[in-house]
Amino acid sequence: MVQAAAKKPDPVAEKAKKEEIQGVFVVSGGKAVFKKVETGITGATDIEVVSGLADGDQIITGTYQVIRTILNEAQVKVDNKTPVVAAKS
C-alpha cells in the first residue's frame, strides 16, 4: 500500500487565511454587502475611513459581537430610529 506524505502547512498561506481585511458592511438592495476600506486615524470609539466608501453608502453599525456575525449578502432591515433611553429616577 502506498501512502501520500502528509503535506506541511505553508506558514505564509496560513497567515494570509487568518489575516483580517478592514472593511464595513453597507446596505445594498436590502442586503448586507462587505466593502473593503482603508482607514486612517483611529480613536477609542471612532475610525477614520479614507477610502472604499461612496457618498450615500449606508453603513451597518452595532456592537463588535453583532457585526462579527453578519454574513455577506444577508437580508437586513434598516431601522434608523433613535434608541429610547430609559429615564433615570
PDB file of N, CA and C in Angstrom:
ATOM      1  N   MET A   1       0.846  -1.168   0.000  1.00  0.00           N
ATOM      2  CA  MET A   1       0.000   0.000   0.000  1.00  0.00           C
ATOM      3  C   MET A   1       0.892   1.232   0.000  1.00  0.00           C
ATOM      4  N   VAL A   2       0.552   2.216  -0.825  1.00  0.00           N
ATOM      5  CA  VAL A   2       1.295   3.467  -0.918  1.00  0.00           C
ATOM      6  C   VAL A   2       0.497   4.545  -0.201  1.00  0.00           C
ATOM      7  N   GLN A   3       1.191   5.301   0.634  1.00  0.00           N
ATOM      8  CA  GLN A   3       0.514   6.352   1.382  1.00  0.00           C
ATOM      9  C   GLN A   3       1.191   7.676   1.060  1.00  0.00           C
ATOM     10  N   ALA A   4       0.398   8.685   0.789  1.00  0.00           N
ATOM     11  CA  ALA A   4       0.949  10.000   0.471  1.00  0.00           C
ATOM     12  C   ALA A   4       1.522  10.638   1.727  1.00  0.00           C
ATOM     13  N   ALA A   5       2.625  11.328   1.548  1.00  0.00           N
ATOM     14  CA  ALA A   5       3.237  12.028   2.684  1.00  0.00           C
ATOM     15  C   ALA A   5       2.335  13.185   3.101  1.00  0.00           C
ATOM     16  N   ALA A   6       2.252  13.393   4.397  1.00  0.00           N
ATOM     17  CA  ALA A   6       1.441  14.499   4.910  1.00  0.00           C
ATOM     18  C   ALA A   6       2.058  15.816   4.468  1.00  0.00           C
ATOM     19  N   LYS A   7       1.223  16.684   3.929  1.00  0.00           N
ATOM     20  CA  LYS A   7       1.699  17.974   3.441  1.00  0.00           C
ATOM     21  C   LYS A   7       1.801  18.941   4.617  1.00  0.00           C
ATOM     22  N   LYS A   8       2.967  19.550   4.764  1.00  0.00           N
ATOM     23  CA  LYS A   8       3.168  20.524   5.833  1.00  0.00           C
ATOM     24  C   LYS A   8       2.433  21.811   5.468  1.00  0.00           C
ATOM     25  N   PRO A   9       1.767  22.421   6.450  1.00  0.00           N
ATOM     26  CA  PRO A   9       1.088  23.688   6.152  1.00  0.00           C
ATOM     27  C   PRO A   9       2.102  24.786   5.833  1.00  0.00           C
ATOM     28  N   ASP A  10       1.788  25.580   4.849  1.00  0.00           N
ATOM     29  CA  ASP A  10       2.636  26.704   4.462  1.00  0.00           C
ATOM     30  C   ASP A  10       2.356  27.862   5.415  1.00  0.00           C
ATOM     31  N   PRO A  11       3.345  28.296   6.222  1.00  0.00           N
ATOM     32  CA  PRO A  11       3.102  29.351   7.207  1.00  0.00           C
ATOM     33  C   PRO A  11       2.597  30.652   6.594  1.00  0.00           C
ATOM     34  N   VAL A  12       3.078  31.004   5.416  1.00  0.00           N
ATOM     35  CA  VAL A  12       2.638  32.232   4.756  1.00  0.00           C
ATOM     36  C   VAL A  12       1.175  32.114   4.347  1.00  0.00           C
ATOM     37  N   ALA A  13       0.795  30.971   3.785  1.00  0.00           N
ATOM     38  CA  ALA A  13      -0.600  30.752   3.380  1.00  0.00           C
ATOM     39  C   ALA A  13      -1.514  30.723   4.596  1.00  0.00           C
ATOM     40  N   GLU A  14      -1.065  30.106   5.675  1.00  0.00           N
ATOM     41  CA  GLU A  14      -1.870  30.055   6.904  1.00  0.00           C
ATOM     42  C   GLU A  14      -2.096  31.456   7.461  1.00  0.00           C
ATOM     43  N   LYS A  15      -1.044  32.288   7.445  1.00  0.00           N
ATOM     44  CA  LYS A  15      -1.176  33.656   7.949  1.00  0.00           C
ATOM     45  C   LYS A  15      -2.155  34.446   7.087  1.00  0.00           C
ATOM     46  N   ALA A  16      -2.073  34.278   5.771  1.00  0.00           N
ATOM     47  CA  ALA A  16      -2.961  35.003   4.864  1.00  0.00           C
ATOM     48  C   ALA A  16      -4.423  34.626   5.099  1.00  0.00           C
ATOM     49  N   LYS A  17      -4.680  33.349   5.412  1.00  0.00           N
ATOM     50  CA  LYS A  17      -6.049  32.909   5.682  1.00  0.00           C
ATOM     51  C   LYS A  17      -6.610  33.602   6.910  1.00  0.00           C
ATOM     52  N   LYS A  18      -5.758  33.787   7.917  1.00  0.00           N
ATOM     53  CA  LYS A  18      -6.194  34.362   9.182  1.00  0.00           C
ATOM     54  C   LYS A  18      -6.181  35.883   9.187  1.00  0.00           C
ATOM     55  N   GLU A  19      -5.487  36.487   8.211  1.00  0.00           N
ATOM     56  CA  GLU A  19      -5.370  37.939   8.182  1.00  0.00           C
ATOM     57  C   GLU A  19      -6.743  38.564   7.940  1.00  0.00           C
ATOM     58  N   GLU A  20      -7.056  39.527   8.758  1.00  0.00           N
ATOM     59  CA  GLU A  20      -8.350  40.169   8.640  1.00  0.00           C
ATOM     60  C   GLU A  20      -8.271  41.330   7.661  1.00  0.00           C
ATOM     61  N   ILE A  21      -9.326  41.500   6.902  1.00  0.00           N
ATOM     62  CA  ILE A  21      -9.427  42.592   5.949  1.00  0.00           C
ATOM     63  C   ILE A  21     -10.240  43.693   6.607  1.00  0.00           C
ATOM     64  N   GLN A  22      -9.743  44.921   6.554  1.00  0.00           N
ATOM     65  CA  GLN A  22     -10.501  46.031   7.116  1.00  0.00           C
ATOM     66  C   GLN A  22     -11.625  46.375   6.162  1.00  0.00           C
ATOM     67  N   GLY A  23     -12.825  46.450   6.714  1.00  0.00           N
ATOM     68  CA  GLY A  23     -13.962  46.786   5.878  1.00  0.00           C
ATOM     69  C   GLY A  23     -15.201  47.026   6.699  1.00  0.00           C
ATOM     70  N   VAL A  24     -16.260  47.362   6.014  1.00  0.00           N
ATOM     71  CA  VAL A  24     -17.544  47.614   6.654  1.00  0.00           C
ATOM     72  C   VAL A  24     -18.632  46.917   5.841  1.00  0.00           C
ATOM     73  N   PHE A  25     -19.763  46.717   6.480  1.00  0.00           N
ATOM     74  CA  PHE A  25     -20.938  46.245   5.759  1.00  0.00           C
ATOM     75  C   PHE A  25     -21.794  47.450   5.431  1.00  0.00           C
ATOM     76  N   VAL A  26     -22.241  47.525   4.185  1.00  0.00           N
ATOM     77  CA  VAL A  26     -23.170  48.565   3.771  1.00  0.00           C
ATOM     78  C   VAL A  26     -24.453  47.897   3.307  1.00  0.00           C
ATOM     79  N   VAL A  27     -25.539  48.662   3.307  1.00  0.00           N
ATOM     80  CA  VAL A  27     -26.825  48.146   2.848  1.00  0.00           C
ATOM     81  C   VAL A  27     -26.927  48.390   1.349  1.00  0.00           C
ATOM     82  N   SER A  28     -27.199  47.328   0.603  1.00  0.00           N
ATOM     83  CA  SER A  28     -27.371  47.442  -0.842  1.00  0.00           C
ATOM     84  C   SER A  28     -28.488  46.494  -1.260  1.00  0.00           C
ATOM     85  N   GLY A  29     -29.603  47.064  -1.712  1.00  0.00           N
ATOM     86  CA  GLY A  29     -30.728  46.230  -2.147  1.00  0.00           C
ATOM     87  C   GLY A  29     -31.301  45.391  -1.024  1.00  0.00           C
ATOM     88  N   GLY A  30     -31.296  45.910   0.203  1.00  0.00           N
ATOM     89  CA  GLY A  30     -31.848  45.179   1.339  1.00  0.00           C
ATOM     90  C   GLY A  30     -30.938  44.081   1.868  1.00  0.00           C
ATOM     91  N   LYS A  31     -29.683  44.076   1.411  1.00  0.00           N
ATOM     92  CA  LYS A  31     -28.735  43.060   1.866  1.00  0.00           C
ATOM     93  C   LYS A  31     -27.474  43.718   2.413  1.00  0.00           C
ATOM     94  N   ALA A  32     -26.792  43.002   3.311  1.00  0.00           N
ATOM     95  CA  ALA A  32     -25.504  43.454   3.838  1.00  0.00           C
ATOM     96  C   ALA A  32     -24.431  43.076   2.827  1.00  0.00           C
ATOM     97  N   VAL A  33     -23.658  44.060   2.393  1.00  0.00           N
ATOM     98  CA  VAL A  33     -22.594  43.821   1.423  1.00  0.00           C
ATOM     99  C   VAL A  33     -21.284  44.327   2.028  1.00  0.00           C
ATOM    100  N   PHE A  34     -20.280  43.453   2.086  1.00  0.00           N
ATOM    101  CA  PHE A  34     -18.981  43.823   2.660  1.00  0.00           C
ATOM    102  C   PHE A  34     -18.197  44.657   1.668  1.00  0.00           C
ATOM    103  N   LYS A  35     -17.650  45.774   2.148  1.00  0.00           N
ATOM    104  CA  LYS A  35     -16.799  46.630   1.321  1.00  0.00           C
ATOM    105  C   LYS A  35     -15.463  46.805   2.023  1.00  0.00           C
ATOM    106  N   LYS A  36     -14.396  46.541   1.330  1.00  0.00           N
ATOM    107  CA  LYS A  36     -13.049  46.741   1.871  1.00  0.00           C
ATOM    108  C   LYS A  36     -12.794  48.242   1.944  1.00  0.00           C
ATOM    109  N   VAL A  37     -12.226  48.701   3.074  1.00  0.00           N
ATOM    110  CA  VAL A  37     -11.911  50.117   3.238  1.00  0.00           C
ATOM    111  C   VAL A  37     -10.486  50.284   3.737  1.00  0.00           C
ATOM    112  N   GLU A  38      -9.950  51.472   3.523  1.00  0.00           N
ATOM    113  CA  GLU A  38      -8.653  51.839   4.103  1.00  0.00           C
ATOM    114  C   GLU A  38      -8.948  52.838   5.194  1.00  0.00           C
ATOM    115  N   THR A  39      -8.294  52.646   6.347  1.00  0.00           N
ATOM    116  CA  THR A  39      -8.554  53.518   7.483  1.00  0.00           C
ATOM    117  C   THR A  39      -7.373  54.424   7.763  1.00  0.00           C
ATOM    118  N   GLY A  40      -7.690  55.522   8.472  1.00  0.00           N
ATOM    119  CA  GLY A  40      -6.658  56.481   8.840  1.00  0.00           C
ATOM    120  C   GLY A  40      -6.552  56.541  10.348  1.00  0.00           C
ATOM    121  N   ILE A  41      -6.878  57.680  10.903  1.00  0.00           N
ATOM    122  CA  ILE A  41      -6.771  57.902  12.345  1.00  0.00           C
ATOM    123  C   ILE A  41      -7.778  57.025  13.081  1.00  0.00           C
ATOM    124  N   THR A  42      -7.314  56.369  14.145  1.00  0.00           N
ATOM    125  CA  THR A  42      -8.167  55.504  14.957  1.00  0.00           C
ATOM    126  C   THR A  42      -8.166  56.000  16.390  1.00  0.00           C
ATOM    127  N   GLY A  43      -9.360  56.186  16.943  1.00  0.00           N
ATOM    128  CA  GLY A  43      -9.503  56.603  18.336  1.00  0.00           C
ATOM    129  C   GLY A  43     -10.109  55.477  19.149  1.00  0.00           C
ATOM    130  N   ALA A  44     -10.503  55.787  20.354  1.00  0.00           N
ATOM    131  CA  ALA A  44     -11.091  54.774  21.236  1.00  0.00           C
ATOM    132  C   ALA A  44     -12.416  54.254  20.689  1.00  0.00           C
ATOM    133  N   THR A  45     -13.210  55.133  20.084  1.00  0.00           N
ATOM    134  CA  THR A  45     -14.525  54.706  19.586  1.00  0.00           C
ATOM    135  C   THR A  45     -14.771  55.065  18.120  1.00  0.00           C
ATOM    136  N   ASP A  46     -13.839  55.780  17.503  1.00  0.00           N
ATOM    137  CA  ASP A  46     -14.034  56.227  16.122  1.00  0.00           C
ATOM    138  C   ASP A  46     -12.868  55.792  15.244  1.00  0.00           C
ATOM    139  N   ILE A  47     -13.178  55.545  13.967  1.00  0.00           N
ATOM    140  CA  ILE A  47     -12.152  55.184  12.988  1.00  0.00           C
ATOM    141  C   ILE A  47     -12.398  56.012  11.738  1.00  0.00           C
ATOM    142  N   GLU A  48     -11.355  56.661  11.250  1.00  0.00           N
ATOM    143  CA  GLU A  48     -11.461  57.439  10.020  1.00  0.00           C
ATOM    144  C   GLU A  48     -11.362  56.490   8.832  1.00  0.00           C
ATOM    145  N   VAL A  49     -12.324  56.572   7.913  1.00  0.00           N
ATOM    146  CA  VAL A  49     -12.287  55.791   6.675  1.00  0.00           C
ATOM    147  C   VAL A  49     -11.805  56.735   5.584  1.00  0.00           C
ATOM    148  N   VAL A  50     -10.640  56.427   5.001  1.00  0.00           N
ATOM    149  CA  VAL A  50     -10.055  57.319   3.997  1.00  0.00           C
ATOM    150  C   VAL A  50     -10.378  56.905   2.560  1.00  0.00           C
ATOM    151  N   SER A  51     -10.750  55.643   2.357  1.00  0.00           N
ATOM    152  CA  SER A  51     -11.168  55.229   1.012  1.00  0.00           C
ATOM    153  C   SER A  51     -11.968  53.930   1.089  1.00  0.00           C
ATOM    154  N   GLY A  52     -12.753  53.697   0.047  1.00  0.00           N
ATOM    155  CA  GLY A  52     -13.523  52.465  -0.053  1.00  0.00           C
ATOM    156  C   GLY A  52     -15.027  52.648   0.032  1.00  0.00           C
ATOM    157  N   LEU A  53     -15.468  53.846   0.430  1.00  0.00           N
ATOM    158  CA  LEU A  53     -16.899  54.116   0.520  1.00  0.00           C
ATOM    159  C   LEU A  53     -17.293  55.213  -0.462  1.00  0.00           C
ATOM    160  N   ALA A  54     -18.556  55.209  -0.845  1.00  0.00           N
ATOM    161  CA  ALA A  54     -19.084  56.242  -1.730  1.00  0.00           C
ATOM    162  C   ALA A  54     -20.075  57.102  -0.954  1.00  0.00           C
ATOM    163  N   ASP A  55     -20.264  58.337  -1.414  1.00  0.00           N
ATOM    164  CA  ASP A  55     -21.276  59.198  -0.798  1.00  0.00           C
ATOM    165  C   ASP A  55     -22.616  58.482  -0.818  1.00  0.00           C
ATOM    166  N   GLY A  56     -23.308  58.503   0.307  1.00  0.00           N
ATOM    167  CA  GLY A  56     -24.627  57.891   0.380  1.00  0.00           C
ATOM    168  C   GLY A  56     -24.629  56.444   0.839  1.00  0.00           C
ATOM    169  N   ASP A  57     -23.456  55.802   0.952  1.00  0.00           N
ATOM    170  CA  ASP A  57     -23.421  54.423   1.457  1.00  0.00           C
ATOM    171  C   ASP A  57     -24.000  54.398   2.868  1.00  0.00           C
ATOM    172  N   GLN A  58     -24.888  53.449   3.136  1.00  0.00           N
ATOM    173  CA  GLN A  58     -25.446  53.268   4.478  1.00  0.00           C
ATOM    174  C   GLN A  58     -24.645  52.183   5.171  1.00  0.00           C
ATOM    175  N   ILE A  59     -23.893  52.583   6.202  1.00  0.00           N
ATOM    176  CA  ILE A  59     -23.042  51.652   6.930  1.00  0.00           C
ATOM    177  C   ILE A  59     -23.852  50.965   8.016  1.00  0.00           C
ATOM    178  N   ILE A  60     -23.691  49.664   8.140  1.00  0.00           N
ATOM    179  CA  ILE A  60     -24.349  48.899   9.200  1.00  0.00           C
ATOM    180  C   ILE A  60     -23.517  49.054  10.463  1.00  0.00           C
ATOM    181  N   THR A  61     -24.173  49.461  11.544  1.00  0.00           N
ATOM    182  CA  THR A  61     -23.478  49.673  12.812  1.00  0.00           C
ATOM    183  C   THR A  61     -24.028  48.736  13.876  1.00  0.00           C
ATOM    184  N   GLY A  62     -23.271  48.555  14.911  1.00  0.00           N
ATOM    185  CA  GLY A  62     -23.685  47.717  16.031  1.00  0.00           C
ATOM    186  C   GLY A  62     -22.486  47.369  16.873  1.00  0.00           C
ATOM    187  N   THR A  63     -22.719  46.529  17.860  1.00  0.00           N
ATOM    188  CA  THR A  63     -21.610  46.110  18.706  1.00  0.00           C
ATOM    189  C   THR A  63     -20.683  45.192  17.922  1.00  0.00           C
ATOM    190  N   TYR A  64     -19.460  45.093  18.397  1.00  0.00           N
ATOM    191  CA  TYR A  64     -18.462  44.224  17.766  1.00  0.00           C
ATOM    192  C   TYR A  64     -18.990  42.792  17.641  1.00  0.00           C
ATOM    193  N   GLN A  65     -19.625  42.309  18.729  1.00  0.00           N
ATOM    194  CA  GLN A  65     -20.122  40.933  18.738  1.00  0.00           C
ATOM    195  C   GLN A  65     -21.188  40.716  17.660  1.00  0.00           C
ATOM    196  N   VAL A  66     -22.032  41.708  17.439  1.00  0.00           N
ATOM    197  CA  VAL A  66     -23.093  41.578  16.430  1.00  0.00           C
ATOM    198  C   VAL A  66     -22.515  41.686  15.021  1.00  0.00           C
ATOM    199  N   ILE A  67     -21.662  42.671  14.801  1.00  0.00           N
ATOM    200  CA  ILE A  67     -21.093  42.873  13.461  1.00  0.00           C
ATOM    201  C   ILE A  67     -20.313  41.645  13.002  1.00  0.00           C
ATOM    202  N   ARG A  68     -19.607  40.971  13.911  1.00  0.00           N
ATOM    203  CA  ARG A  68     -18.820  39.785  13.557  1.00  0.00           C
ATOM    204  C   ARG A  68     -19.691  38.619  13.093  1.00  0.00           C
ATOM    205  N   THR A  69     -20.999  38.654  13.358  1.00  0.00           N
ATOM    206  CA  THR A  69     -21.869  37.542  12.974  1.00  0.00           C
ATOM    207  C   THR A  69     -22.572  37.764  11.632  1.00  0.00           C
ATOM    208  N   ILE A  70     -22.446  38.976  11.071  1.00  0.00           N
ATOM    209  CA  ILE A  70     -23.131  39.281   9.811  1.00  0.00           C
ATOM    210  C   ILE A  70     -22.455  38.536   8.661  1.00  0.00           C
ATOM    211  N   LEU A  71     -23.263  37.959   7.811  1.00  0.00           N
ATOM    212  CA  LEU A  71     -22.747  37.280   6.626  1.00  0.00           C
ATOM    213  C   LEU A  71     -22.969  38.155   5.402  1.00  0.00           C
ATOM    214  N   ASN A  72     -22.028  38.116   4.474  1.00  0.00           N
ATOM    215  CA  ASN A  72     -22.170  38.868   3.231  1.00  0.00           C
ATOM    216  C   ASN A  72     -23.426  38.399   2.504  1.00  0.00           C
ATOM    217  N   GLU A  73     -24.184  39.342   1.979  1.00  0.00           N
ATOM    218  CA  GLU A  73     -25.425  39.094   1.244  1.00  0.00           C
ATOM    219  C   GLU A  73     -26.602  38.698   2.144  1.00  0.00           C
ATOM    220  N   ALA A  74     -26.458  38.836   3.470  1.00  0.00           N
ATOM    221  CA  ALA A  74     -27.567  38.531   4.386  1.00  0.00           C
ATOM    222  C   ALA A  74     -28.634  39.620   4.259  1.00  0.00           C
ATOM    223  N   GLN A  75     -29.901  39.218   4.350  1.00  0.00           N
ATOM    224  CA  GLN A  75     -31.011  40.173   4.337  1.00  0.00           C
ATOM    225  C   GLN A  75     -30.917  41.046   5.585  1.00  0.00           C
ATOM    226  N   VAL A  76     -31.130  42.354   5.421  1.00  0.00           N
ATOM    227  CA  VAL A  76     -31.123  43.267   6.566  1.00  0.00           C
ATOM    228  C   VAL A  76     -32.322  44.190   6.504  1.00  0.00           C
ATOM    229  N   LYS A  77     -32.695  44.700   7.667  1.00  0.00           N
ATOM    230  CA  LYS A  77     -33.789  45.656   7.763  1.00  0.00           C
ATOM    231  C   LYS A  77     -33.213  46.954   8.318  1.00  0.00           C
ATOM    232  N   VAL A  78     -33.447  48.059   7.638  1.00  0.00           N
ATOM    233  CA  VAL A  78     -32.920  49.350   8.071  1.00  0.00           C
ATOM    234  C   VAL A  78     -33.857  49.919   9.135  1.00  0.00           C
ATOM    235  N   ASP A  79     -33.269  50.293  10.283  1.00  0.00           N
ATOM    236  CA  ASP A  79     -34.015  50.902  11.379  1.00  0.00           C
ATOM    237  C   ASP A  79     -33.217  52.105  11.855  1.00  0.00           C
ATOM    238  N   ASN A  80     -33.570  53.280  11.368  1.00  0.00           N
ATOM    239  CA  ASN A  80     -32.839  54.499  11.707  1.00  0.00           C
ATOM    240  C   ASN A  80     -33.459  55.259  12.869  1.00  0.00           C
ATOM    241  N   LYS A  81     -34.357  54.599  13.618  1.00  0.00           N
ATOM    242  CA  LYS A  81     -34.966  55.261  14.761  1.00  0.00           C
ATOM    243  C   LYS A  81     -33.923  55.492  15.848  1.00  0.00           C
ATOM    244  N   THR A  82     -34.061  56.612  16.541  1.00  0.00           N
ATOM    245  CA  THR A  82     -33.170  56.902  17.666  1.00  0.00           C
ATOM    246  C   THR A  82     -33.507  55.965  18.800  1.00  0.00           C
ATOM    247  N   PRO A  83     -32.504  55.310  19.403  1.00  0.00           N
ATOM    248  CA  PRO A  83     -32.767  54.401  20.508  1.00  0.00           C
ATOM    249  C   PRO A  83     -33.407  55.147  21.683  1.00  0.00           C
ATOM    250  N   VAL A  84     -34.363  54.499  22.333  1.00  0.00           N
ATOM    251  CA  VAL A  84     -35.020  55.076  23.504  1.00  0.00           C
ATOM    252  C   VAL A  84     -34.180  54.773  24.729  1.00  0.00           C
ATOM    253  N   VAL A  85     -33.847  55.812  25.476  1.00  0.00           N
ATOM    254  CA  VAL A  85     -33.057  55.646  26.691  1.00  0.00           C
ATOM    255  C   VAL A  85     -33.989  55.823  27.886  1.00  0.00           C
ATOM    256  N   ALA A  86     -33.960  54.861  28.793  1.00  0.00           N
ATOM    257  CA  ALA A  86     -34.819  54.929  29.978  1.00  0.00           C
ATOM    258  C   ALA A  86     -34.417  56.109  30.833  1.00  0.00           C
ATOM    259  N   ALA A  87     -35.435  56.826  31.340  1.00  0.00           N
ATOM    260  CA  ALA A  87     -35.183  57.995  32.202  1.00  0.00           C
ATOM    261  C   ALA A  87     -34.669  57.528  33.557  1.00  0.00           C
ATOM    262  N   LYS A  88     -33.704  58.287  34.105  1.00  0.00           N
ATOM    263  CA  LYS A  88     -33.163  57.966  35.420  1.00  0.00           C
ATOM    264  C   LYS A  88     -34.075  58.533  36.486  1.00  0.00           C
ATOM    265  N   SER A  89     -34.271  57.783  37.559  1.00  0.00           N
ATOM    266  CA  SER A  89     -35.121  58.237  38.650  1.00  0.00           C
ATOM    267  C   SER A  89     -34.327  58.981  39.691  1.00  0.00           C
TER     268      SER A  89
END
